[in-house]
Amino acid sequence: MLFTADGPKATRRTTHPHLERAVVALQYVRVFAVDAVLAGATAEDGAAVAAAVEVIDDPDDAVRWKVLTFLAWSSAEQLTAGVEHLRPRAFVV
């Protein structure tokens, strides 16, 4: 997905025009879900914070970018609450 002045554009072509619009809508949902967690999460919402952080490996650039902005703008309280809910990951180098 690409963000333009007119909104996101699908970078993958589908066989049906309605499906292409659905792909764009899915990106909007994921991006705004991360925003919702940033705006509303408190120290009691660690699971939601962790879920927002874990979409950092989303295939869409815009979603990954939104998670990076989430990490930059979230409070220490939000991040601390989310740490205990993060799943361990194996990193491949």
Foldseek 3Di string as FASTA:
>chain_A
DDQDPVGDADPDDDPDPVVRVVVRVVVVVLLVLLVCCQVDPFLVPQLSLQVLLVCCVPPDPSSVVSSVVSVVRHDPSNVVSNPVNHDDDDDDD
